[in-house]
N, C-alpha and C. Protein backbone atom coordinates (compact mmCIF):
# COMPACT_ATOMS: atom_id res chain seq x y z
N MET A 1 -4.61 -7.98 0.62
CA MET A 1 -5.85 -8.65 1.03
C MET A 1 -7.04 -7.98 0.35
N SER A 2 -7.98 -8.76 -0.13
CA SER A 2 -9.17 -8.21 -0.78
C SER A 2 -10.10 -7.62 0.28
N LEU A 3 -11.00 -6.75 -0.16
CA LEU A 3 -11.96 -6.15 0.76
C LEU A 3 -12.86 -7.19 1.39
N ASN A 4 -13.26 -8.19 0.61
CA ASN A 4 -14.12 -9.25 1.14
C ASN A 4 -13.42 -10.06 2.23
N LEU A 5 -12.16 -10.39 2.00
CA LEU A 5 -11.40 -11.14 3.00
C LEU A 5 -11.17 -10.29 4.25
N LEU A 6 -10.95 -9.01 4.04
CA LEU A 6 -10.75 -8.10 5.16
C LEU A 6 -11.98 -8.09 6.06
N VAL A 7 -13.15 -7.96 5.45
CA VAL A 7 -14.40 -7.93 6.21
C VAL A 7 -14.64 -9.26 6.90
N GLN A 8 -14.37 -10.35 6.21
CA GLN A 8 -14.57 -11.67 6.81
C GLN A 8 -13.69 -11.84 8.04
N ASN A 9 -12.49 -11.30 7.99
CA ASN A 9 -11.59 -11.37 9.14
C ASN A 9 -12.17 -10.59 10.32
N PHE A 10 -12.74 -9.43 10.04
CA PHE A 10 -13.39 -8.66 11.11
C PHE A 10 -14.56 -9.43 11.71
N LYS A 11 -15.35 -10.06 10.86
CA LYS A 11 -16.52 -10.81 11.33
C LYS A 11 -16.10 -12.00 12.18
N ASP A 12 -15.05 -12.67 11.76
CA ASP A 12 -14.57 -13.84 12.50
C ASP A 12 -14.06 -13.48 13.89
N ASN A 13 -13.64 -12.24 14.07
CA ASN A 13 -13.04 -11.83 15.33
C ASN A 13 -13.91 -10.87 16.14
N SER A 14 -15.20 -10.77 15.78
CA SER A 14 -16.12 -9.90 16.50
C SER A 14 -17.23 -10.72 17.14
N ASN A 15 -17.62 -10.32 18.33
CA ASN A 15 -18.66 -11.05 19.08
C ASN A 15 -20.03 -10.39 19.01
N SER A 16 -20.11 -9.22 18.37
CA SER A 16 -21.39 -8.53 18.26
C SER A 16 -21.33 -7.57 17.08
N ASP A 17 -22.51 -7.08 16.68
CA ASP A 17 -22.54 -6.10 15.59
C ASP A 17 -21.79 -4.83 15.98
N THR A 18 -21.97 -4.42 17.22
CA THR A 18 -21.29 -3.21 17.68
C THR A 18 -19.78 -3.37 17.61
N GLU A 19 -19.30 -4.51 18.07
CA GLU A 19 -17.86 -4.77 18.03
C GLU A 19 -17.35 -4.80 16.60
N LEU A 20 -18.15 -5.37 15.70
CA LEU A 20 -17.77 -5.45 14.29
C LEU A 20 -17.70 -4.05 13.67
N LEU A 21 -18.70 -3.24 13.92
CA LEU A 21 -18.72 -1.89 13.38
C LEU A 21 -17.52 -1.07 13.87
N VAL A 22 -17.25 -1.15 15.14
CA VAL A 22 -16.13 -0.39 15.71
C VAL A 22 -14.80 -0.88 15.14
N ALA A 23 -14.68 -2.20 14.97
CA ALA A 23 -13.44 -2.76 14.42
C ALA A 23 -13.19 -2.24 13.01
N ILE A 24 -14.24 -2.18 12.18
CA ILE A 24 -14.09 -1.69 10.82
C ILE A 24 -13.77 -0.19 10.83
N HIS A 25 -14.49 0.55 11.65
CA HIS A 25 -14.24 1.99 11.79
C HIS A 25 -12.79 2.25 12.19
N ASN A 26 -12.33 1.54 13.20
CA ASN A 26 -10.97 1.77 13.71
C ASN A 26 -9.90 1.37 12.70
N TRP A 27 -10.20 0.35 11.91
CA TRP A 27 -9.24 -0.06 10.88
C TRP A 27 -9.07 1.03 9.83
N VAL A 28 -10.18 1.59 9.36
CA VAL A 28 -10.09 2.68 8.38
C VAL A 28 -9.37 3.88 8.99
N ARG A 29 -9.70 4.18 10.23
CA ARG A 29 -9.06 5.33 10.90
C ARG A 29 -7.54 5.17 11.00
N GLU A 30 -7.09 3.97 11.33
CA GLU A 30 -5.66 3.76 11.56
C GLU A 30 -4.87 3.36 10.32
N GLU A 31 -5.51 2.71 9.37
CA GLU A 31 -4.80 2.18 8.21
C GLU A 31 -4.90 3.06 6.97
N ILE A 32 -5.91 3.94 6.91
CA ILE A 32 -6.04 4.86 5.78
C ILE A 32 -5.76 6.26 6.31
N LYS A 33 -4.52 6.66 6.22
CA LYS A 33 -4.10 7.93 6.79
C LYS A 33 -4.76 9.09 6.06
N PHE A 34 -5.18 10.09 6.81
CA PHE A 34 -5.79 11.26 6.20
C PHE A 34 -4.74 12.05 5.42
N GLY A 35 -5.06 12.31 4.16
CA GLY A 35 -4.17 13.07 3.30
C GLY A 35 -4.78 13.16 1.91
N PHE A 36 -4.23 14.05 1.10
CA PHE A 36 -4.76 14.28 -0.24
C PHE A 36 -3.87 13.62 -1.27
N THR A 37 -4.49 12.98 -2.24
CA THR A 37 -3.75 12.34 -3.32
C THR A 37 -4.07 13.02 -4.64
N ALA A 38 -3.24 12.79 -5.63
CA ALA A 38 -3.51 13.35 -6.96
C ALA A 38 -4.76 12.71 -7.57
N ASP A 39 -5.13 11.53 -7.09
CA ASP A 39 -6.37 10.89 -7.55
C ASP A 39 -7.60 11.63 -7.04
N PHE A 40 -7.44 12.26 -5.88
CA PHE A 40 -8.50 12.96 -5.17
C PHE A 40 -9.76 12.09 -5.10
N GLU A 41 -10.84 12.46 -5.79
CA GLU A 41 -12.08 11.70 -5.67
C GLU A 41 -12.32 10.73 -6.84
N SER A 42 -11.35 10.61 -7.73
CA SER A 42 -11.50 9.64 -8.82
C SER A 42 -10.98 8.28 -8.37
N VAL A 43 -11.39 7.89 -7.16
CA VAL A 43 -10.95 6.63 -6.57
C VAL A 43 -12.15 5.78 -6.20
N CYS A 44 -11.94 4.48 -6.17
CA CYS A 44 -12.92 3.54 -5.66
C CYS A 44 -12.38 3.02 -4.33
N PRO A 45 -13.18 2.32 -3.55
CA PRO A 45 -12.69 1.78 -2.27
C PRO A 45 -11.43 0.94 -2.41
N LYS A 46 -11.35 0.12 -3.44
CA LYS A 46 -10.16 -0.71 -3.63
C LYS A 46 -8.92 0.15 -3.84
N LYS A 47 -9.05 1.23 -4.61
CA LYS A 47 -7.92 2.11 -4.88
C LYS A 47 -7.47 2.83 -3.60
N THR A 48 -8.42 3.25 -2.78
CA THR A 48 -8.07 3.90 -1.52
C THR A 48 -7.34 2.92 -0.60
N LEU A 49 -7.78 1.68 -0.62
CA LEU A 49 -7.09 0.64 0.16
C LEU A 49 -5.65 0.49 -0.32
N GLU A 50 -5.46 0.48 -1.62
CA GLU A 50 -4.11 0.34 -2.19
C GLU A 50 -3.24 1.55 -1.85
N ASN A 51 -3.83 2.74 -1.90
CA ASN A 51 -3.08 3.96 -1.61
C ASN A 51 -2.66 4.03 -0.14
N GLY A 52 -3.54 3.54 0.74
CA GLY A 52 -3.26 3.64 2.17
C GLY A 52 -3.40 5.05 2.70
N VAL A 53 -3.93 5.93 1.88
CA VAL A 53 -4.13 7.33 2.25
C VAL A 53 -5.30 7.88 1.45
N GLY A 54 -6.01 8.82 2.02
CA GLY A 54 -7.13 9.42 1.30
C GLY A 54 -7.72 10.55 2.12
N HIS A 55 -8.39 11.48 1.46
CA HIS A 55 -9.05 12.55 2.20
C HIS A 55 -10.41 12.06 2.68
N CYS A 56 -11.15 12.92 3.33
CA CYS A 56 -12.38 12.51 4.00
C CYS A 56 -13.36 11.74 3.12
N ASN A 57 -13.57 12.20 1.89
CA ASN A 57 -14.57 11.58 1.04
C ASN A 57 -14.14 10.19 0.55
N ALA A 58 -12.85 10.04 0.28
CA ALA A 58 -12.34 8.72 -0.11
C ALA A 58 -12.42 7.76 1.06
N GLN A 59 -12.10 8.23 2.25
CA GLN A 59 -12.18 7.39 3.44
C GLN A 59 -13.63 6.96 3.71
N ALA A 60 -14.54 7.91 3.58
CA ALA A 60 -15.96 7.62 3.81
C ALA A 60 -16.48 6.58 2.82
N ASP A 61 -16.07 6.71 1.57
CA ASP A 61 -16.50 5.76 0.54
C ASP A 61 -16.02 4.35 0.86
N LEU A 62 -14.78 4.23 1.32
CA LEU A 62 -14.25 2.92 1.71
C LEU A 62 -14.99 2.36 2.91
N LEU A 63 -15.19 3.18 3.94
CA LEU A 63 -15.87 2.69 5.14
C LEU A 63 -17.29 2.26 4.82
N CYS A 64 -18.00 3.04 4.03
CA CYS A 64 -19.37 2.69 3.64
C CYS A 64 -19.40 1.35 2.92
N HIS A 65 -18.44 1.15 2.03
CA HIS A 65 -18.37 -0.10 1.28
C HIS A 65 -18.10 -1.29 2.20
N LEU A 66 -17.20 -1.10 3.16
CA LEU A 66 -16.88 -2.17 4.11
C LEU A 66 -18.09 -2.50 4.99
N PHE A 67 -18.82 -1.48 5.43
CA PHE A 67 -20.03 -1.73 6.21
C PHE A 67 -21.04 -2.53 5.40
N THR A 68 -21.19 -2.19 4.13
CA THR A 68 -22.12 -2.89 3.26
C THR A 68 -21.71 -4.34 3.08
N LEU A 69 -20.42 -4.57 2.85
CA LEU A 69 -19.92 -5.94 2.71
C LEU A 69 -20.14 -6.75 3.99
N ALA A 70 -20.15 -6.07 5.13
CA ALA A 70 -20.34 -6.74 6.42
C ALA A 70 -21.81 -7.03 6.70
N GLY A 71 -22.70 -6.56 5.81
CA GLY A 71 -24.12 -6.87 5.94
C GLY A 71 -24.98 -5.76 6.52
N PHE A 72 -24.41 -4.57 6.69
CA PHE A 72 -25.17 -3.45 7.24
C PHE A 72 -25.71 -2.56 6.12
N ASP A 73 -26.81 -1.88 6.40
CA ASP A 73 -27.30 -0.85 5.48
C ASP A 73 -26.46 0.40 5.70
N ALA A 74 -25.75 0.83 4.68
CA ALA A 74 -24.88 1.99 4.82
C ALA A 74 -24.99 2.88 3.59
N ARG A 75 -24.70 4.16 3.78
CA ARG A 75 -24.79 5.11 2.68
C ARG A 75 -23.89 6.31 2.99
N LEU A 76 -23.73 7.19 2.01
CA LEU A 76 -22.96 8.40 2.19
C LEU A 76 -23.91 9.60 2.23
N ALA A 77 -23.81 10.38 3.28
CA ALA A 77 -24.58 11.62 3.40
C ALA A 77 -23.61 12.78 3.26
N PHE A 78 -23.84 13.63 2.28
CA PHE A 78 -22.94 14.75 2.04
C PHE A 78 -23.51 16.04 2.62
N VAL A 79 -22.62 16.79 3.25
CA VAL A 79 -22.99 18.07 3.85
C VAL A 79 -21.99 19.13 3.36
N TYR A 80 -22.29 20.38 3.66
CA TYR A 80 -21.35 21.45 3.37
C TYR A 80 -20.64 21.87 4.66
N ILE A 81 -19.32 21.88 4.64
CA ILE A 81 -18.58 22.38 5.80
C ILE A 81 -17.70 23.54 5.36
N ASN A 82 -17.49 24.47 6.26
CA ASN A 82 -16.68 25.65 5.96
C ASN A 82 -15.24 25.27 5.74
N LYS A 83 -14.61 25.84 4.73
CA LYS A 83 -13.23 25.49 4.42
C LYS A 83 -12.27 25.89 5.54
N GLU A 84 -12.72 26.74 6.47
CA GLU A 84 -11.86 27.16 7.57
C GLU A 84 -11.35 25.98 8.39
N ILE A 85 -12.07 24.87 8.35
CA ILE A 85 -11.63 23.72 9.13
C ILE A 85 -10.28 23.19 8.63
N LEU A 86 -9.93 23.50 7.37
CA LEU A 86 -8.66 23.04 6.81
C LEU A 86 -7.54 24.06 6.95
N ARG A 87 -7.84 25.20 7.57
CA ARG A 87 -6.81 26.22 7.76
C ARG A 87 -5.65 25.66 8.58
N TYR A 88 -4.45 25.92 8.16
CA TYR A 88 -3.21 25.44 8.78
C TYR A 88 -2.92 23.95 8.56
N SER A 89 -3.81 23.27 7.88
CA SER A 89 -3.55 21.84 7.61
C SER A 89 -3.19 21.60 6.15
N ILE A 90 -3.30 22.64 5.33
CA ILE A 90 -2.89 22.56 3.93
C ILE A 90 -2.15 23.86 3.59
N PRO A 91 -1.34 23.88 2.54
CA PRO A 91 -0.62 25.10 2.17
C PRO A 91 -1.56 26.27 1.90
N LYS A 92 -1.08 27.48 2.21
CA LYS A 92 -1.91 28.68 2.09
C LYS A 92 -2.41 28.89 0.66
N LEU A 93 -1.57 28.58 -0.33
CA LEU A 93 -1.98 28.78 -1.72
C LEU A 93 -3.16 27.89 -2.08
N VAL A 94 -3.10 26.63 -1.66
CA VAL A 94 -4.21 25.70 -1.91
C VAL A 94 -5.45 26.16 -1.17
N TYR A 95 -5.27 26.54 0.08
CA TYR A 95 -6.41 26.98 0.89
C TYR A 95 -7.10 28.19 0.25
N PHE A 96 -6.32 29.11 -0.29
CA PHE A 96 -6.87 30.32 -0.90
C PHE A 96 -7.84 30.00 -2.03
N PHE A 97 -7.52 29.00 -2.84
CA PHE A 97 -8.33 28.68 -4.01
C PHE A 97 -9.52 27.77 -3.71
N LEU A 98 -9.61 27.24 -2.50
CA LEU A 98 -10.74 26.37 -2.18
C LEU A 98 -12.04 27.16 -2.13
N PRO A 99 -13.15 26.54 -2.53
CA PRO A 99 -14.44 27.21 -2.36
C PRO A 99 -14.76 27.37 -0.88
N LYS A 100 -15.58 28.33 -0.52
CA LYS A 100 -15.88 28.60 0.89
C LYS A 100 -16.54 27.41 1.57
N LYS A 101 -17.35 26.68 0.83
CA LYS A 101 -18.03 25.51 1.38
C LYS A 101 -17.55 24.25 0.66
N LEU A 102 -17.14 23.26 1.42
CA LEU A 102 -16.65 22.01 0.86
C LEU A 102 -17.71 20.91 0.95
N PHE A 103 -17.78 20.09 -0.06
CA PHE A 103 -18.74 18.99 -0.15
C PHE A 103 -18.13 17.80 0.59
N HIS A 104 -18.64 17.52 1.78
CA HIS A 104 -18.00 16.61 2.72
C HIS A 104 -18.87 15.40 3.00
N ALA A 105 -18.27 14.22 2.94
CA ALA A 105 -19.00 12.97 3.14
C ALA A 105 -19.03 12.55 4.60
N VAL A 106 -20.20 12.15 5.04
CA VAL A 106 -20.39 11.53 6.34
C VAL A 106 -20.93 10.12 6.08
N THR A 107 -20.35 9.13 6.72
CA THR A 107 -20.83 7.76 6.55
C THR A 107 -22.02 7.53 7.48
N GLN A 108 -23.08 6.96 6.93
CA GLN A 108 -24.24 6.64 7.74
C GLN A 108 -24.51 5.13 7.70
N VAL A 109 -24.81 4.57 8.87
CA VAL A 109 -25.14 3.15 8.97
C VAL A 109 -26.45 3.04 9.75
N LYS A 110 -27.33 2.15 9.29
CA LYS A 110 -28.64 2.03 9.90
C LYS A 110 -28.60 1.05 11.06
N LEU A 111 -28.92 1.54 12.25
CA LEU A 111 -28.90 0.73 13.46
C LEU A 111 -30.23 0.87 14.19
N GLU A 112 -30.90 -0.24 14.38
CA GLU A 112 -32.19 -0.27 15.06
C GLU A 112 -33.18 0.71 14.44
N GLY A 113 -33.17 0.78 13.13
CA GLY A 113 -34.13 1.61 12.39
C GLY A 113 -33.74 3.06 12.23
N ASN A 114 -32.61 3.47 12.79
CA ASN A 114 -32.18 4.87 12.70
C ASN A 114 -30.81 4.97 12.02
N TRP A 115 -30.62 6.08 11.29
CA TRP A 115 -29.33 6.30 10.63
C TRP A 115 -28.37 6.98 11.61
N VAL A 116 -27.25 6.33 11.85
CA VAL A 116 -26.20 6.88 12.70
C VAL A 116 -25.13 7.48 11.79
N SER A 117 -24.72 8.70 12.08
CA SER A 117 -23.79 9.45 11.22
C SER A 117 -22.42 9.57 11.88
N ILE A 118 -21.36 9.30 11.10
CA ILE A 118 -20.00 9.38 11.64
C ILE A 118 -19.01 9.89 10.59
N ASP A 119 -18.03 10.65 11.06
CA ASP A 119 -16.82 10.90 10.25
C ASP A 119 -15.61 10.93 11.20
N SER A 120 -15.71 10.16 12.26
CA SER A 120 -14.69 10.10 13.31
C SER A 120 -13.48 9.26 12.94
N TYR A 121 -13.47 8.76 11.71
CA TYR A 121 -12.40 7.88 11.22
C TYR A 121 -11.34 8.63 10.43
N ILE A 122 -11.45 9.94 10.32
CA ILE A 122 -10.61 10.71 9.38
C ILE A 122 -9.14 10.71 9.78
N PHE A 123 -8.84 11.05 11.02
CA PHE A 123 -7.46 11.08 11.49
C PHE A 123 -7.11 9.83 12.29
N THR A 124 -5.90 9.33 12.13
CA THR A 124 -5.42 8.30 13.04
C THR A 124 -5.40 8.90 14.44
N LYS A 125 -5.35 8.05 15.45
CA LYS A 125 -5.31 8.57 16.82
C LYS A 125 -4.13 9.50 17.03
N SER A 126 -3.00 9.14 16.43
CA SER A 126 -1.80 9.97 16.56
C SER A 126 -1.98 11.32 15.87
N GLN A 127 -2.49 11.29 14.62
CA GLN A 127 -2.75 12.53 13.90
C GLN A 127 -3.75 13.39 14.65
N PHE A 128 -4.80 12.74 15.13
CA PHE A 128 -5.88 13.46 15.83
C PHE A 128 -5.34 14.19 17.05
N SER A 129 -4.55 13.50 17.85
CA SER A 129 -3.98 14.10 19.05
C SER A 129 -3.10 15.30 18.71
N SER A 130 -2.28 15.15 17.69
CA SER A 130 -1.38 16.22 17.27
C SER A 130 -2.14 17.44 16.78
N GLN A 131 -3.12 17.21 15.90
CA GLN A 131 -3.89 18.32 15.34
C GLN A 131 -4.76 19.00 16.39
N LEU A 132 -5.32 18.20 17.29
CA LEU A 132 -6.18 18.77 18.33
C LEU A 132 -5.37 19.65 19.28
N ASN A 133 -4.16 19.23 19.61
CA ASN A 133 -3.30 20.05 20.46
C ASN A 133 -2.99 21.38 19.79
N ARG A 134 -2.75 21.35 18.48
CA ARG A 134 -2.49 22.59 17.76
C ARG A 134 -3.71 23.50 17.76
N LEU A 135 -4.88 22.90 17.59
CA LEU A 135 -6.13 23.65 17.62
C LEU A 135 -6.29 24.36 18.96
N LYS A 136 -6.05 23.64 20.04
CA LYS A 136 -6.20 24.21 21.38
C LYS A 136 -5.18 25.32 21.63
N GLN A 137 -3.97 25.12 21.15
CA GLN A 137 -2.92 26.13 21.34
C GLN A 137 -3.28 27.45 20.64
N HIS A 138 -3.96 27.32 19.49
CA HIS A 138 -4.36 28.52 18.75
C HIS A 138 -5.67 29.11 19.28
N ARG A 139 -6.33 28.38 20.18
CA ARG A 139 -7.60 28.83 20.75
C ARG A 139 -8.62 29.15 19.66
N GLU A 140 -8.69 28.26 18.68
CA GLU A 140 -9.62 28.42 17.56
C GLU A 140 -10.73 27.38 17.67
N ASN A 141 -11.85 27.65 17.02
CA ASN A 141 -12.94 26.67 16.97
C ASN A 141 -12.80 25.73 15.78
N PHE A 142 -12.20 26.24 14.68
CA PHE A 142 -12.06 25.45 13.46
C PHE A 142 -10.69 25.69 12.84
N CYS A 143 -9.88 24.68 12.74
CA CYS A 143 -8.63 24.73 11.98
C CYS A 143 -7.87 23.43 12.23
N PHE A 144 -6.79 23.24 11.49
CA PHE A 144 -5.98 22.03 11.60
C PHE A 144 -6.77 20.75 11.26
N GLY A 145 -7.87 20.90 10.52
CA GLY A 145 -8.66 19.74 10.10
C GLY A 145 -9.68 19.28 11.12
N LEU A 146 -9.83 20.03 12.21
CA LEU A 146 -10.75 19.63 13.28
C LEU A 146 -11.56 20.82 13.77
N HIS A 147 -12.56 20.54 14.62
CA HIS A 147 -13.24 21.60 15.36
C HIS A 147 -13.17 21.27 16.85
N HIS A 148 -13.58 22.19 17.68
CA HIS A 148 -13.35 22.05 19.13
C HIS A 148 -14.16 20.92 19.76
N ARG A 149 -15.10 20.34 19.03
CA ARG A 149 -15.88 19.22 19.56
C ARG A 149 -15.53 17.89 18.88
N SER A 150 -14.46 17.87 18.16
CA SER A 150 -14.09 16.68 17.38
C SER A 150 -13.81 15.47 18.27
N GLU A 151 -14.14 14.30 17.72
CA GLU A 151 -13.88 13.02 18.39
C GLU A 151 -13.32 12.04 17.37
N CYS A 152 -12.51 11.10 17.82
CA CYS A 152 -12.01 10.06 16.92
C CYS A 152 -12.33 8.66 17.44
N ARG A 153 -12.99 8.57 18.59
CA ARG A 153 -13.36 7.27 19.16
C ARG A 153 -14.87 7.09 19.05
N TRP A 154 -15.30 6.06 18.35
CA TRP A 154 -16.73 5.81 18.12
C TRP A 154 -17.17 4.61 18.94
N ASP A 155 -18.38 4.70 19.51
CA ASP A 155 -18.91 3.62 20.33
C ASP A 155 -19.70 2.59 19.54
N GLY A 156 -19.85 2.82 18.23
CA GLY A 156 -20.59 1.87 17.40
C GLY A 156 -22.10 1.99 17.52
N LYS A 157 -22.56 3.07 18.17
CA LYS A 157 -24.00 3.19 18.43
C LYS A 157 -24.56 4.58 18.13
N THR A 158 -23.76 5.62 18.34
CA THR A 158 -24.27 6.99 18.25
C THR A 158 -23.46 7.84 17.27
N ASP A 159 -23.99 8.99 16.91
CA ASP A 159 -23.29 9.90 16.01
C ASP A 159 -21.94 10.30 16.60
N CYS A 160 -20.95 10.46 15.72
CA CYS A 160 -19.62 10.85 16.18
C CYS A 160 -18.89 11.55 15.03
N PHE A 161 -18.37 12.75 15.31
CA PHE A 161 -17.80 13.56 14.23
C PHE A 161 -16.42 14.11 14.57
N SER A 162 -15.61 14.25 13.53
CA SER A 162 -14.34 14.96 13.68
C SER A 162 -14.29 16.21 12.81
N GLN A 163 -15.04 16.24 11.71
CA GLN A 163 -15.06 17.43 10.85
C GLN A 163 -16.47 17.99 10.67
N ALA A 164 -17.45 17.14 10.44
CA ALA A 164 -18.83 17.61 10.35
C ALA A 164 -19.39 17.80 11.76
N GLN A 165 -20.60 18.32 11.83
CA GLN A 165 -21.32 18.46 13.09
C GLN A 165 -22.79 18.13 12.83
N SER A 166 -23.50 17.82 13.89
CA SER A 166 -24.92 17.48 13.75
C SER A 166 -25.69 18.56 13.02
N ALA A 167 -25.36 19.81 13.30
CA ALA A 167 -26.07 20.93 12.67
C ALA A 167 -25.88 20.95 11.16
N ASP A 168 -24.73 20.48 10.68
CA ASP A 168 -24.48 20.43 9.24
C ASP A 168 -25.45 19.48 8.56
N ILE A 169 -25.71 18.36 9.21
CA ILE A 169 -26.62 17.36 8.65
C ILE A 169 -28.05 17.87 8.70
N ASP A 170 -28.39 18.57 9.76
CA ASP A 170 -29.74 19.13 9.88
C ASP A 170 -29.99 20.20 8.82
N GLU A 171 -28.94 20.96 8.49
CA GLU A 171 -29.08 22.06 7.54
C GLU A 171 -29.14 21.58 6.10
N PHE A 172 -28.29 20.63 5.76
CA PHE A 172 -28.25 20.11 4.39
C PHE A 172 -27.69 18.70 4.42
N CYS A 173 -28.37 17.82 3.77
CA CYS A 173 -27.89 16.44 3.71
C CYS A 173 -28.36 15.82 2.40
N LYS A 174 -27.42 15.46 1.56
CA LYS A 174 -27.73 14.85 0.27
C LYS A 174 -27.15 13.44 0.28
N VAL A 175 -27.98 12.45 0.04
CA VAL A 175 -27.56 11.06 0.18
C VAL A 175 -27.21 10.44 -1.17
N TYR A 176 -26.09 9.73 -1.19
CA TYR A 176 -25.65 9.03 -2.39
C TYR A 176 -25.17 7.63 -2.00
N GLU A 177 -25.22 6.73 -2.97
CA GLU A 177 -24.78 5.36 -2.71
C GLU A 177 -23.26 5.23 -2.71
N SER A 178 -22.59 6.11 -3.44
CA SER A 178 -21.14 6.01 -3.56
C SER A 178 -20.55 7.38 -3.85
N LEU A 179 -19.24 7.49 -3.69
CA LEU A 179 -18.54 8.72 -4.01
C LEU A 179 -18.62 9.03 -5.50
N ALA A 180 -18.52 8.00 -6.31
CA ALA A 180 -18.59 8.18 -7.76
C ALA A 180 -19.89 8.86 -8.17
N GLN A 181 -20.98 8.48 -7.52
CA GLN A 181 -22.28 9.09 -7.82
C GLN A 181 -22.31 10.54 -7.33
N ALA A 182 -21.72 10.78 -6.18
CA ALA A 182 -21.79 12.11 -5.57
C ALA A 182 -21.00 13.15 -6.36
N ILE A 183 -19.84 12.78 -6.90
CA ILE A 183 -19.00 13.78 -7.56
C ILE A 183 -19.62 14.27 -8.86
N LYS A 184 -20.58 13.54 -9.37
CA LYS A 184 -21.25 13.95 -10.59
C LYS A 184 -22.42 14.90 -10.33
N SER A 185 -22.77 15.07 -9.06
CA SER A 185 -23.97 15.83 -8.73
C SER A 185 -23.74 17.33 -8.84
N GLN A 186 -24.80 18.04 -9.06
CA GLN A 186 -24.73 19.50 -9.14
C GLN A 186 -24.50 20.12 -7.75
N SER A 187 -24.73 19.33 -6.71
CA SER A 187 -24.54 19.81 -5.35
C SER A 187 -23.07 19.88 -4.96
N ASN A 188 -22.23 19.19 -5.70
CA ASN A 188 -20.81 19.08 -5.37
C ASN A 188 -20.10 20.42 -5.56
N THR A 189 -19.55 20.96 -4.48
CA THR A 189 -18.86 22.25 -4.56
C THR A 189 -17.34 22.10 -4.61
N ASN A 190 -16.84 20.89 -4.68
CA ASN A 190 -15.38 20.69 -4.71
C ASN A 190 -14.84 20.98 -6.11
N ARG A 191 -14.96 22.26 -6.47
CA ARG A 191 -14.59 22.71 -7.81
C ARG A 191 -13.90 24.06 -7.73
N ILE A 192 -13.08 24.34 -8.70
CA ILE A 192 -12.47 25.65 -8.86
C ILE A 192 -12.82 26.16 -10.25
N LEU A 193 -13.48 27.32 -10.31
CA LEU A 193 -13.96 27.89 -11.57
C LEU A 193 -14.80 26.88 -12.36
N GLY A 194 -15.60 26.11 -11.63
CA GLY A 194 -16.51 25.15 -12.24
C GLY A 194 -15.89 23.82 -12.61
N VAL A 195 -14.60 23.65 -12.36
CA VAL A 195 -13.90 22.41 -12.72
C VAL A 195 -13.62 21.61 -11.46
N HIS A 196 -14.00 20.33 -11.46
CA HIS A 196 -13.82 19.49 -10.28
C HIS A 196 -12.34 19.27 -10.00
N PHE A 197 -12.00 19.18 -8.70
CA PHE A 197 -10.61 19.00 -8.30
C PHE A 197 -9.96 17.81 -9.01
N SER A 198 -10.70 16.70 -9.14
CA SER A 198 -10.14 15.49 -9.76
C SER A 198 -9.74 15.73 -11.20
N THR A 199 -10.52 16.56 -11.90
CA THR A 199 -10.20 16.89 -13.29
C THR A 199 -8.95 17.75 -13.36
N LEU A 200 -8.83 18.71 -12.44
CA LEU A 200 -7.65 19.57 -12.42
C LEU A 200 -6.38 18.78 -12.11
N LEU A 201 -6.51 17.75 -11.29
CA LEU A 201 -5.34 16.98 -10.87
C LEU A 201 -5.03 15.81 -11.80
N LYS A 202 -5.88 15.57 -12.79
CA LYS A 202 -5.70 14.41 -13.67
C LYS A 202 -4.31 14.32 -14.29
N PRO A 203 -3.71 15.43 -14.75
CA PRO A 203 -2.36 15.33 -15.32
C PRO A 203 -1.31 14.83 -14.33
N LEU A 204 -1.58 14.99 -13.02
CA LEU A 204 -0.62 14.55 -12.01
C LEU A 204 -0.88 13.14 -11.50
N ALA A 205 -2.01 12.57 -11.92
CA ALA A 205 -2.46 11.32 -11.31
C ALA A 205 -1.82 10.06 -11.88
N ALA A 206 -0.96 10.19 -12.87
CA ALA A 206 -0.32 9.01 -13.45
C ALA A 206 0.46 8.24 -12.39
N LYS A 207 0.35 6.94 -12.41
CA LYS A 207 1.00 6.10 -11.41
C LYS A 207 2.51 6.31 -11.40
N ASN A 208 3.06 6.51 -10.21
CA ASN A 208 4.50 6.68 -9.99
C ASN A 208 5.09 7.90 -10.69
N GLY A 209 4.24 8.84 -11.10
CA GLY A 209 4.74 10.04 -11.76
C GLY A 209 5.44 10.97 -10.78
N ILE A 210 6.45 11.67 -11.27
CA ILE A 210 7.19 12.60 -10.41
C ILE A 210 6.27 13.71 -9.93
N GLY A 211 5.42 14.20 -10.83
CA GLY A 211 4.49 15.25 -10.47
C GLY A 211 3.53 14.81 -9.39
N ARG A 212 3.11 13.57 -9.45
CA ARG A 212 2.19 13.02 -8.45
C ARG A 212 2.83 13.03 -7.07
N ARG A 213 4.03 12.52 -6.99
CA ARG A 213 4.72 12.45 -5.70
C ARG A 213 5.02 13.84 -5.15
N ALA A 214 5.42 14.75 -6.03
CA ALA A 214 5.74 16.10 -5.59
C ALA A 214 4.49 16.82 -5.07
N PHE A 215 3.37 16.65 -5.78
CA PHE A 215 2.12 17.28 -5.36
C PHE A 215 1.68 16.76 -4.01
N GLN A 216 1.73 15.44 -3.83
CA GLN A 216 1.26 14.85 -2.58
C GLN A 216 2.16 15.24 -1.42
N SER A 217 3.46 15.35 -1.66
CA SER A 217 4.37 15.79 -0.62
C SER A 217 4.09 17.24 -0.24
N TYR A 218 3.79 18.06 -1.24
CA TYR A 218 3.52 19.49 -1.00
C TYR A 218 2.23 19.70 -0.24
N ILE A 219 1.15 19.08 -0.69
CA ILE A 219 -0.15 19.38 -0.10
C ILE A 219 -0.33 18.76 1.28
N ASN A 220 0.42 17.69 1.58
CA ASN A 220 0.27 17.01 2.86
C ASN A 220 1.37 17.36 3.87
N GLN A 221 2.14 18.40 3.59
CA GLN A 221 3.30 18.71 4.42
C GLN A 221 2.96 19.05 5.86
N TYR A 222 1.71 19.50 6.11
CA TYR A 222 1.32 19.84 7.48
C TYR A 222 0.53 18.73 8.17
N LEU A 223 0.43 17.59 7.48
CA LEU A 223 -0.35 16.47 8.04
C LEU A 223 0.54 15.31 8.45
N ASN A 224 1.80 15.32 8.07
CA ASN A 224 2.69 14.20 8.35
C ASN A 224 3.37 14.33 9.71
């Protein structure tokens, strides 16, 4: 199904803007499973839809695009979050090489003249419950891809976060129209030794490549 037809289906089955927004949010949350691909951020919304999986920034880019197609003013606000939030959710070797601060997308939609910020769509409800239980068992504030105040249910009206927090937006917020625009920015810290993750993974990104499948199985082993 095309993105336009997908949005039209949501509109046909929604009785209000709030209901429409929540329906789109919940679809991305449940249908685009949180995980890392060899494409990483060299994806467009259509590609993320085809993959059925994506990390936070790819998911945000898709949701923002769907909101825009539905007639809302939407944008991507990028913040810096501590890499500790990914502790225990990715292999130790990968975690070791990550920069201390990650360039993280929050989707913003304009409602009644104000920008509402969300990243509550990252984990499916099942993933969210599993990771949150692990977080509580470890008695940590940040790990397993979540923090102790994380939420995955959005009311369609107010800020709601699973990885970012309001303080992150207050401290630093850089707005871009799309993920493609953001990854070119000097603010983007998703790099190792100055090289963007997508560039490093390019040799593995070939469609149906053995390396691609092996990498994705390895990096997502704690998320499945």
